[in-house]
C-alpha atoms as a PDB file:
ATOM      1  CA  UNK A   1     -36.460  21.988  24.717  1.00  0.00           C
ATOM      2  CA  UNK A   2     -35.378  18.419  25.369  1.00  0.00           C
ATOM      3  CA  UNK A   3     -31.703  17.725  24.667  1.00  0.00           C
ATOM      4  CA  UNK A   4     -31.176  14.522  22.646  1.00  0.00           C
ATOM      5  CA  UNK A   5     -28.884  13.059  25.370  1.00  0.00           C
ATOM      6  CA  UNK A   6     -31.540  13.459  28.008  1.00  0.00           C
ATOM      7  CA  UNK A   7     -33.341  10.276  29.229  1.00  0.00           C
ATOM      8  CA  UNK A   8     -36.958  10.806  30.218  1.00  0.00           C
ATOM      9  CA  UNK A   9     -39.254   7.991  31.295  1.00  0.00           C
ATOM     10  CA  UNK A  10     -42.453   7.454  29.342  1.00  0.00           C
ATOM     11  CA  UNK A  11     -44.171   7.400  32.751  1.00  0.00           C
ATOM     12  CA  UNK A  12     -42.994  10.943  33.610  1.00  0.00           C
ATOM     13  CA  UNK A  13     -45.182  14.025  33.025  1.00  0.00           C
ATOM     14  CA  UNK A  14     -43.706  17.306  31.905  1.00  0.00           C
ATOM     15  CA  UNK A  15     -45.631  20.590  31.724  1.00  0.00           C
ATOM     16  CA  UNK A  16     -45.396  23.348  29.171  1.00  0.00           C
ATOM     17  CA  UNK A  17     -42.004  24.936  28.238  1.00  0.00           C
ATOM     18  CA  UNK A  18     -39.972  22.573  30.325  1.00  0.00           C
ATOM     19  CA  UNK A  19     -36.270  22.606  29.403  1.00  0.00           C
ATOM     20  CA  UNK A  20     -34.290  19.392  29.921  1.00  0.00           C
ATOM     21  CA  UNK A  21     -30.566  19.869  29.233  1.00  0.00           C
ATOM     22  CA  UNK A  22     -27.789  17.429  28.284  1.00  0.00           C
ATOM     23  CA  UNK A  23     -27.450  14.132  30.155  1.00  0.00           C
ATOM     24  CA  UNK A  24     -30.427  14.673  32.483  1.00  0.00           C
ATOM     25  CA  UNK A  25     -32.452  11.751  33.766  1.00  0.00           C
ATOM     26  CA  UNK A  26     -36.171  11.917  34.668  1.00  0.00           C
ATOM     27  CA  UNK A  27     -37.526   8.747  36.285  1.00  0.00           C
ATOM     28  CA  UNK A  28     -40.861   7.025  36.406  1.00  0.00           C
ATOM     29  CA  UNK A  29     -43.621   8.717  38.368  1.00  0.00           C
ATOM     30  CA  UNK A  30     -42.172  12.231  38.180  1.00  0.00           C
ATOM     31  CA  UNK A  31     -44.376  15.284  37.454  1.00  0.00           C
ATOM     32  CA  UNK A  32     -42.613  18.516  36.501  1.00  0.00           C
ATOM     33  CA  UNK A  33     -44.648  21.696  36.186  1.00  0.00           C
ATOM     34  CA  UNK A  34     -44.564  24.405  33.519  1.00  0.00           C
ATOM     35  CA  UNK A  35     -41.432  26.418  32.821  1.00  0.00           C
ATOM     36  CA  UNK A  36     -39.097  24.301  34.839  1.00  0.00           C
ATOM     37  CA  UNK A  37     -35.439  24.118  33.747  1.00  0.00           C
ATOM     38  CA  UNK A  38     -33.007  21.244  34.222  1.00  0.00           C
ATOM     39  CA  UNK A  39     -29.661  22.628  33.072  1.00  0.00           C
ATOM     40  CA  UNK A  40     -27.549  19.490  32.669  1.00  0.00           C
ATOM     41  CA  UNK A  41     -26.683  16.220  34.407  1.00  0.00           C
ATOM     42  CA  UNK A  42     -29.741  16.544  36.687  1.00  0.00           C
ATOM     43  CA  UNK A  43     -31.325  13.405  38.133  1.00  0.00           C
ATOM     44  CA  UNK A  44     -34.865  13.463  39.309  1.00  0.00           C
ATOM     45  CA  UNK A  45     -36.306  10.209  40.757  1.00  0.00           C
ATOM     46  CA  UNK A  46     -39.904   9.393  41.677  1.00  0.00           C
ATOM     47  CA  UNK A  47     -42.389   9.530  43.038  1.00  0.00           C
ATOM     48  CA  UNK A  48     -41.812  13.296  42.907  1.00  0.00           C
ATOM     49  CA  UNK A  49     -44.239  16.161  42.270  1.00  0.00           C
ATOM     50  CA  UNK A  50     -42.583  19.430  41.229  1.00  0.00           C
ATOM     51  CA  UNK A  51     -44.424  22.690  40.661  1.00  0.00           C
ATOM     52  CA  UNK A  52     -43.791  25.528  38.215  1.00  0.00           C
ATOM     53  CA  UNK A  53     -40.813  27.731  37.421  1.00  0.00           C
ATOM     54  CA  UNK A  54     -38.178  25.675  39.301  1.00  0.00           C
ATOM     55  CA  UNK A  55     -34.519  25.605  38.176  1.00  0.00           C
ATOM     56  CA  UNK A  56     -32.188  22.718  38.817  1.00  0.00           C
ATOM     57  CA  UNK A  57     -28.510  23.239  38.145  1.00  0.00           C
ATOM     58  CA  UNK A  58     -25.988  20.591  37.135  1.00  0.00           C
ATOM     59  CA  UNK A  59     -25.424  17.464  39.200  1.00  0.00           C
ATOM     60  CA  UNK A  60     -28.347  18.066  41.462  1.00  0.00           C
ATOM     61  CA  UNK A  61     -30.051  14.862  42.642  1.00  0.00           C
ATOM     62  CA  UNK A  62     -33.728  15.260  43.444  1.00  0.00           C
ATOM     63  CA  UNK A  63     -36.126  12.697  44.929  1.00  0.00           C
ATOM     64  CA  UNK A  64     -33.590   9.948  45.458  1.00  0.00           C
ATOM     65  CA  UNK A  65     -34.062   7.066  47.837  1.00  0.00           C
ATOM     66  CA  UNK A  66     -33.174   8.160  51.344  1.00  0.00           C
ATOM     67  CA  UNK A  67     -30.069   7.186  53.311  1.00  0.00           C
ATOM     68  CA  UNK A  68     -32.028   5.864  56.299  1.00  0.00           C
ATOM     69  CA  UNK A  69     -31.057   2.218  56.893  1.00  0.00           C
ATOM     70  CA  UNK A  70     -34.720   1.455  57.799  1.00  0.00           C
ATOM     71  CA  UNK A  71     -35.753   2.297  54.268  1.00  0.00           C
ATOM     72  CA  UNK A  72     -36.741  -0.918  52.450  1.00  0.00           C
ATOM     73  CA  UNK A  73     -38.028   0.440  49.119  1.00  0.00           C
ATOM     74  CA  UNK A  74     -41.510   1.496  50.293  1.00  0.00           C
ATOM     75  CA  UNK A  75     -43.380   4.031  48.195  1.00  0.00           C
ATOM     76  CA  UNK A  76     -42.514   7.468  49.539  1.00  0.00           C
ATOM     77  CA  UNK A  77     -42.767  10.860  47.943  1.00  0.00           C
ATOM     78  CA  UNK A  78     -41.146  14.227  47.339  1.00  0.00           C
ATOM     79  CA  UNK A  79     -43.274  17.382  46.796  1.00  0.00           C
ATOM     80  CA  UNK A  80     -41.786  20.685  45.673  1.00  0.00           C
ATOM     81  CA  UNK A  81     -43.615  23.988  45.148  1.00  0.00           C
ATOM     82  CA  UNK A  82     -42.946  26.781  42.666  1.00  0.00           C
ATOM     83  CA  UNK A  83     -40.104  29.238  41.872  1.00  0.00           C
ATOM     84  CA  UNK A  84     -37.334  27.342  43.694  1.00  0.00           C
ATOM     85  CA  UNK A  85     -33.657  27.279  42.719  1.00  0.00           C
ATOM     86  CA  UNK A  86     -31.535  24.183  43.317  1.00  0.00           C
ATOM     87  CA  UNK A  87     -27.853  24.942  42.710  1.00  0.00           C
ATOM     88  CA  UNK A  88     -25.104  22.639  41.690  1.00  0.00           C
ATOM     89  CA  UNK A  89     -24.860  19.364  43.572  1.00  0.00           C
ATOM     90  CA  UNK A  90     -27.969  19.822  45.703  1.00  0.00           C
ATOM     91  CA  UNK A  91     -29.437  16.575  47.059  1.00  0.00           C
ATOM     92  CA  UNK A  92     -33.002  16.154  48.240  1.00  0.00           C
ATOM     93  CA  UNK A  93     -34.319  12.710  49.351  1.00  0.00           C
ATOM     94  CA  UNK A  94     -37.839  11.310  49.606  1.00  0.00           C
ATOM     95  CA  UNK A  95     -39.470  10.430  52.944  1.00  0.00           C
ATOM     96  CA  UNK A  96     -39.855   7.256  54.975  1.00  0.00           C
ATOM     97  CA  UNK A  97     -42.886   5.310  56.139  1.00  0.00           C
ATOM     98  CA  UNK A  98     -41.627   5.716  59.737  1.00  0.00           C
ATOM     99  CA  UNK A  99     -42.778   9.384  59.382  1.00  0.00           C
ATOM    100  CA  UNK A 100     -45.312  10.650  56.784  1.00  0.00           C
ATOM    101  CA  UNK A 101     -43.566   9.065  53.739  1.00  0.00           C
ATOM    102  CA  UNK A 102     -43.073  12.630  52.485  1.00  0.00           C
ATOM    103  CA  UNK A 103     -40.401  15.210  52.072  1.00  0.00           C
ATOM    104  CA  UNK A 104     -41.812  18.624  51.186  1.00  0.00           C
ATOM    105  CA  UNK A 105     -40.286  21.875  49.977  1.00  0.00           C
ATOM    106  CA  UNK A 106     -42.454  24.967  49.551  1.00  0.00           C
ATOM    107  CA  UNK A 107     -41.969  27.856  47.104  1.00  0.00           C
ATOM    108  CA  UNK A 108     -39.327  30.616  46.358  1.00  0.00           C
ATOM    109  CA  UNK A 109     -36.529  28.842  48.170  1.00  0.00           C
ATOM    110  CA  UNK A 110     -32.808  29.005  47.274  1.00  0.00           C
ATOM    111  CA  UNK A 111     -30.684  25.926  47.995  1.00  0.00           C
ATOM    112  CA  UNK A 112     -27.096  26.776  47.244  1.00  0.00           C
ATOM    113  CA  UNK A 113     -24.237  24.500  46.085  1.00  0.00           C
ATOM    114  CA  UNK A 114     -24.062  21.106  47.747  1.00  0.00           C
ATOM    115  CA  UNK A 115     -26.910  21.688  50.183  1.00  0.00           C
ATOM    116  CA  UNK A 116     -28.516  18.438  51.380  1.00  0.00           C
ATOM    117  CA  UNK A 117     -32.158  17.954  52.551  1.00  0.00           C
ATOM    118  CA  UNK A 118     -32.744  14.532  54.049  1.00  0.00           C
ATOM    119  CA  UNK A 119     -35.738  12.327  54.281  1.00  0.00           C
ATOM    120  CA  UNK A 120     -39.021  13.562  55.876  1.00  0.00           C
ATOM    121  CA  UNK A 121     -37.946  17.168  56.049  1.00  0.00           C
ATOM    122  CA  UNK A 122     -40.575  19.894  55.805  1.00  0.00           C
ATOM    123  CA  UNK A 123     -39.323  23.257  54.378  1.00  0.00           C
ATOM    124  CA  UNK A 124     -41.583  26.243  54.062  1.00  0.00           C
ATOM    125  CA  UNK A 125     -41.294  29.242  51.689  1.00  0.00           C
ATOM    126  CA  UNK A 126     -38.593  31.888  51.048  1.00  0.00           C
ATOM    127  CA  UNK A 127     -35.857  29.953  52.795  1.00  0.00           C
ATOM    128  CA  UNK A 128     -32.122  30.156  51.988  1.00  0.00           C
ATOM    129  CA  UNK A 129     -29.786  27.259  52.546  1.00  0.00           C
ATOM    130  CA  UNK A 130     -26.173  28.388  51.856  1.00  0.00           C
ATOM    131  CA  UNK A 131     -23.398  26.230  50.470  1.00  0.00           C
ATOM    132  CA  UNK A 132     -22.776  22.818  52.050  1.00  0.00           C
ATOM    133  CA  UNK A 133     -25.693  23.014  54.540  1.00  0.00           C
ATOM    134  CA  UNK A 134     -26.636  19.534  55.795  1.00  0.00           C
ATOM    135  CA  UNK A 135     -30.217  19.078  56.942  1.00  0.00           C
ATOM    136  CA  UNK A 136     -30.766  15.708  58.692  1.00  0.00           C
ATOM    137  CA  UNK A 137     -33.967  13.746  58.651  1.00  0.00           C
ATOM    138  CA  UNK A 138     -37.347  14.877  60.060  1.00  0.00           C
ATOM    139  CA  UNK A 139     -36.239  18.537  60.326  1.00  0.00           C
ATOM    140  CA  UNK A 140     -38.778  21.345  59.983  1.00  0.00           C
ATOM    141  CA  UNK A 141     -37.642  24.813  58.643  1.00  0.00           C
ATOM    142  CA  UNK A 142     -40.244  27.555  58.624  1.00  0.00           C
ATOM    143  CA  UNK A 143     -40.689  30.539  56.183  1.00  0.00           C
ATOM    144  CA  UNK A 144     -37.870  33.087  55.648  1.00  0.00           C
ATOM    145  CA  UNK A 145     -35.262  31.213  57.649  1.00  0.00           C
ATOM    146  CA  UNK A 146     -31.672  31.682  56.521  1.00  0.00           C
ATOM    147  CA  UNK A 147     -29.106  28.970  57.159  1.00  0.00           C
ATOM    148  CA  UNK A 148     -25.454  29.929  56.708  1.00  0.00           C
ATOM    149  CA  UNK A 149     -22.812  27.898  54.909  1.00  0.00           C
ATOM    150  CA  UNK A 150     -21.660  24.510  56.276  1.00  0.00           C
ATOM    151  CA  UNK A 151     -24.266  24.392  59.057  1.00  0.00           C
ATOM    152  CA  UNK A 152     -25.382  20.974  60.153  1.00  0.00           C
ATOM    153  CA  UNK A 153     -28.887  20.565  61.583  1.00  0.00           C
ATOM    154  CA  UNK A 154     -29.555  17.534  63.772  1.00  0.00           C
ATOM    155  CA  UNK A 155     -32.512  15.277  63.055  1.00  0.00           C
ATOM    156  CA  UNK A 156     -35.943  16.281  64.391  1.00  0.00           C
ATOM    157  CA  UNK A 157     -34.923  19.898  65.051  1.00  0.00           C
ATOM    158  CA  UNK A 158     -37.222  22.783  64.170  1.00  0.00           C
ATOM    159  CA  UNK A 159     -36.016  26.157  62.832  1.00  0.00           C
ATOM    160  CA  UNK A 160     -38.535  28.955  63.348  1.00  0.00           C
ATOM    161  CA  UNK A 161     -39.690  31.565  60.842  1.00  0.00           C
ATOM    162  CA  UNK A 162     -37.222  34.431  60.153  1.00  0.00           C
ATOM    163  CA  UNK A 163     -34.467  32.748  62.177  1.00  0.00           C
ATOM    164  CA  UNK A 164     -30.880  33.424  61.054  1.00  0.00           C
ATOM    165  CA  UNK A 165     -28.240  30.745  61.545  1.00  0.00           C
ATOM    166  CA  UNK A 166     -24.636  31.874  61.123  1.00  0.00           C
ATOM    167  CA  UNK A 167     -22.129  29.958  59.068  1.00  0.00           C
ATOM    168  CA  UNK A 168     -20.527  26.826  60.379  1.00  0.00           C
ATOM    169  CA  UNK A 169     -21.291  24.796  63.494  1.00  0.00           C
ATOM    170  CA  UNK A 170     -24.091  22.393  64.346  1.00  0.00           C
ATOM    171  CA  UNK A 171     -27.715  22.834  65.496  1.00  0.00           C
ATOM    172  CA  UNK A 172     -28.721  20.378  68.241  1.00  0.00           C
ATOM    173  CA  UNK A 173     -31.879  22.106  69.578  1.00  0.00           C
ATOM    174  CA  UNK A 174     -34.808  24.020  68.204  1.00  0.00           C
ATOM    175  CA  UNK A 175     -34.208  27.623  67.084  1.00  0.00           C
ATOM    176  CA  UNK A 176     -37.185  29.858  67.861  1.00  0.00           C
ATOM    177  CA  UNK A 177     -38.558  32.348  65.314  1.00  0.00           C
ATOM    178  CA  UNK A 178     -36.798  35.599  64.706  1.00  0.00           C
ATOM    179  CA  UNK A 179     -33.640  34.518  66.672  1.00  0.00           C
ATOM    180  CA  UNK A 180     -30.103  34.912  65.330  1.00  0.00           C
ATOM    181  CA  UNK A 181     -27.589  32.258  66.401  1.00  0.00           C
ATOM    182  CA  UNK A 182     -23.899  31.630  65.585  1.00  0.00           C
ATOM    183  CA  UNK A 183     -20.839  29.802  66.773  1.00  0.00           C
ATOM    184  CA  UNK A 184     -19.563  26.198  66.537  1.00  0.00           C
ATOM    185  CA  UNK A 185     -22.312  25.094  68.918  1.00  0.00           C
ATOM    186  CA  UNK A 186     -24.674  27.828  67.942  1.00  0.00           C
ATOM    187  CA  UNK A 187     -25.743  30.193  70.699  1.00  0.00           C
ATOM    188  CA  UNK A 188     -28.305  33.039  70.660  1.00  0.00           C
ATOM    189  CA  UNK A 189     -26.898  36.434  69.550  1.00  0.00           C
ATOM    190  CA  UNK A 190     -30.081  38.490  69.622  1.00  0.00           C
ATOM    191  CA  UNK A 191     -32.901  38.789  67.142  1.00  0.00           C
ATOM    192  CA  UNK A 192     -32.732  38.987  63.371  1.00  0.00           C
ATOM    193  CA  UNK A 193     -33.667  42.706  63.484  1.00  0.00           C
ATOM    194  CA  UNK A 194     -32.192  43.632  60.127  1.00  0.00           C
ATOM    195  CA  UNK A 195     -34.012  40.791  58.390  1.00  0.00           C
ATOM    196  CA  UNK A 196     -37.271  41.831  59.932  1.00  0.00           C
ATOM    197  CA  UNK A 197     -36.802  45.458  58.901  1.00  0.00           C
ATOM    198  CA  UNK A 198     -36.117  44.323  55.350  1.00  0.00           C
ATOM    199  CA  UNK A 199     -39.283  42.311  55.301  1.00  0.00           C
ATOM    200  CA  UNK A 200     -41.451  45.228  56.449  1.00  0.00           C
ATOM    201  CA  UNK A 201     -42.042  44.474  60.100  1.00  0.00           C
ATOM    202  CA  UNK A 202     -43.040  47.553  62.127  1.00  0.00           C
ATOM    203  CA  UNK A 203     -40.804  49.139  64.768  1.00  0.00           C
ATOM    204  CA  UNK A 204     -43.387  48.182  67.369  1.00  0.00           C
ATOM    205  CA  UNK A 205     -43.316  44.510  66.280  1.00  0.00           C
ATOM    206  CA  UNK A 206     -39.528  44.430  66.346  1.00  0.00           C
ATOM    207  CA  UNK A 207     -39.434  45.960  69.800  1.00  0.00           C
ATOM    208  CA  UNK A 208     -41.985  43.430  70.962  1.00  0.00           C
ATOM    209  CA  UNK A 209     -39.786  40.595  69.629  1.00  0.00           C
ATOM    210  CA  UNK A 210     -36.777  42.184  71.388  1.00  0.00           C
ATOM    211  CA  UNK A 211     -38.613  42.241  74.728  1.00  0.00           C
ATOM    212  CA  UNK A 212     -39.671  38.607  74.238  1.00  0.00           C
ATOM    213  CA  UNK A 213     -36.043  37.681  73.573  1.00  0.00           C
ATOM    214  CA  UNK A 214     -35.036  39.184  76.932  1.00  0.00           C
ATOM    215  CA  UNK A 215     -37.705  37.179  78.644  1.00  0.00           C
ATOM    216  CA  UNK A 216     -36.442  33.968  77.040  1.00  0.00           C
ATOM    217  CA  UNK A 217     -32.737  34.554  77.211  1.00  0.00           C
ATOM    218  CA  UNK A 218     -31.741  37.338  79.594  1.00  0.00           C
ATOM    219  CA  UNK A 219     -33.972  37.151  82.703  1.00  0.00           C
ATOM    220  CA  UNK A 220     -32.947  33.672  83.928  1.00  0.00           C
ATOM    221  CA  UNK A 221     -36.428  32.224  83.263  1.00  0.00           C
ATOM    222  CA  UNK A 222     -36.994  28.518  82.652  1.00  0.00           C
ATOM    223  CA  UNK A 223     -38.653  27.642  79.401  1.00  0.00           C
ATOM    224  CA  UNK A 224     -41.992  27.196  81.212  1.00  0.00           C
ATOM    225  CA  UNK A 225     -41.687  30.502  83.037  1.00  0.00           C
ATOM    226  CA  UNK A 226     -40.821  32.317  79.791  1.00  0.00           C
ATOM    227  CA  UNK A 227     -43.895  30.881  78.082  1.00  0.00           C
ATOM    228  CA  UNK A 228     -46.071  32.120  80.923  1.00  0.00           C
ATOM    229  CA  UNK A 229     -44.606  35.567  80.821  1.00  0.00           C
ATOM    230  CA  UNK A 230     -45.161  35.830  77.079  1.00  0.00           C
ATOM    231  CA  UNK A 231     -48.864  35.005  77.304  1.00  0.00           C
ATOM    232  CA  UNK A 232     -49.800  38.645  77.925  1.00  0.00           C
ATOM    233  CA  UNK A 233     -47.658  40.198  75.130  1.00  0.00           C
ATOM    234  CA  UNK A 234     -48.758  37.411  72.812  1.00  0.00           C
ATOM    235  CA  UNK A 235     -52.351  38.783  72.841  1.00  0.00           C
ATOM    236  CA  UNK A 236     -51.067  42.184  71.683  1.00  0.00           C
ATOM    237  CA  UNK A 237     -48.428  41.207  69.114  1.00  0.00           C
ATOM    238  CA  UNK A 238     -48.818  38.428  66.584  1.00  0.00           C
ATOM    239  CA  UNK A 239     -45.081  38.009  66.424  1.00  0.00           C
ATOM    240  CA  UNK A 240     -44.787  37.247  70.140  1.00  0.00           C
ATOM    241  CA  UNK A 241     -47.656  34.802  69.815  1.00  0.00           C
ATOM    242  CA  UNK A 242     -45.724  32.990  67.100  1.00  0.00           C
ATOM    243  CA  UNK A 243     -42.723  32.776  69.425  1.00  0.00           C
ATOM    244  CA  UNK A 244     -44.771  31.498  72.392  1.00  0.00           C
ATOM    245  CA  UNK A 245     -46.484  28.837  70.281  1.00  0.00           C
ATOM    246  CA  UNK A 246     -43.131  27.661  68.999  1.00  0.00           C
ATOM    247  CA  UNK A 247     -41.703  27.347  72.517  1.00  0.00           C
ATOM    248  CA  UNK A 248     -44.701  25.283  73.644  1.00  0.00           C
ATOM    249  CA  UNK A 249     -44.016  22.706  70.883  1.00  0.00           C
ATOM    250  CA  UNK A 250     -40.218  22.579  71.317  1.00  0.00           C
ATOM    251  CA  UNK A 251     -39.782  18.814  71.864  1.00  0.00           C
ATOM    252  CA  UNK A 252     -35.979  18.940  71.727  1.00  0.00           C
ATOM    253  CA  UNK A 253     -35.652  22.076  73.836  1.00  0.00           C
ATOM    254  CA  UNK A 254     -34.446  25.402  72.435  1.00  0.00           C
ATOM    255  CA  UNK A 255     -30.983  26.695  71.757  1.00  0.00           C
ATOM    256  CA  UNK A 256     -29.647  28.496  74.876  1.00  0.00           C
END
């Protein structure tokens, strides 16, 4: 269904059963997959490639020019997967040529009211960004991460898979996989054990992650020393291997 007040470019491509509600605007060079829904007052700018079964609530702005002062109108892109929900007032910007000219969001993510995803961000799958989360440019967020309300994430930070970031405060360093952090300047509070249990991780895997956490945060090791000590357990537990690989690539350092 296309509402008569919606404005859709002749150069946009809509799949089957796409619903475009009142006062929406779909720009040139936008592709929207089957069964997507734009409730009302949604703006989608291009170039943007959007998969299937996505829902965009009112006043969300998707694929807009980025807010980087270096951006000079170059062709950059936004790519979105399937089954995502973008709640009221969500903003997602396209990339810049200073990076890969691409902002990308995977599938089955929930972006709550007024969440912002800046240029060149890479979001995986099954992520939750709560209300008023602000994700700066060039940030990477891996699968199943949960970011609490009003959290600000500094540019170029990486958030590991299954991490849990408590509400409020600012993230200035990388957050390793499975770690739970909170506070105004977020500090580690243990592992996201409850989240891992809900997602079917075994008791052995959770215990291995707990032991790895102690190596990183409780034994006084430097980051290099922790990586060395995790090499053995990493060969026995995939989860520890994921942690160790993340630490080795932590360009900004990790939250301590």
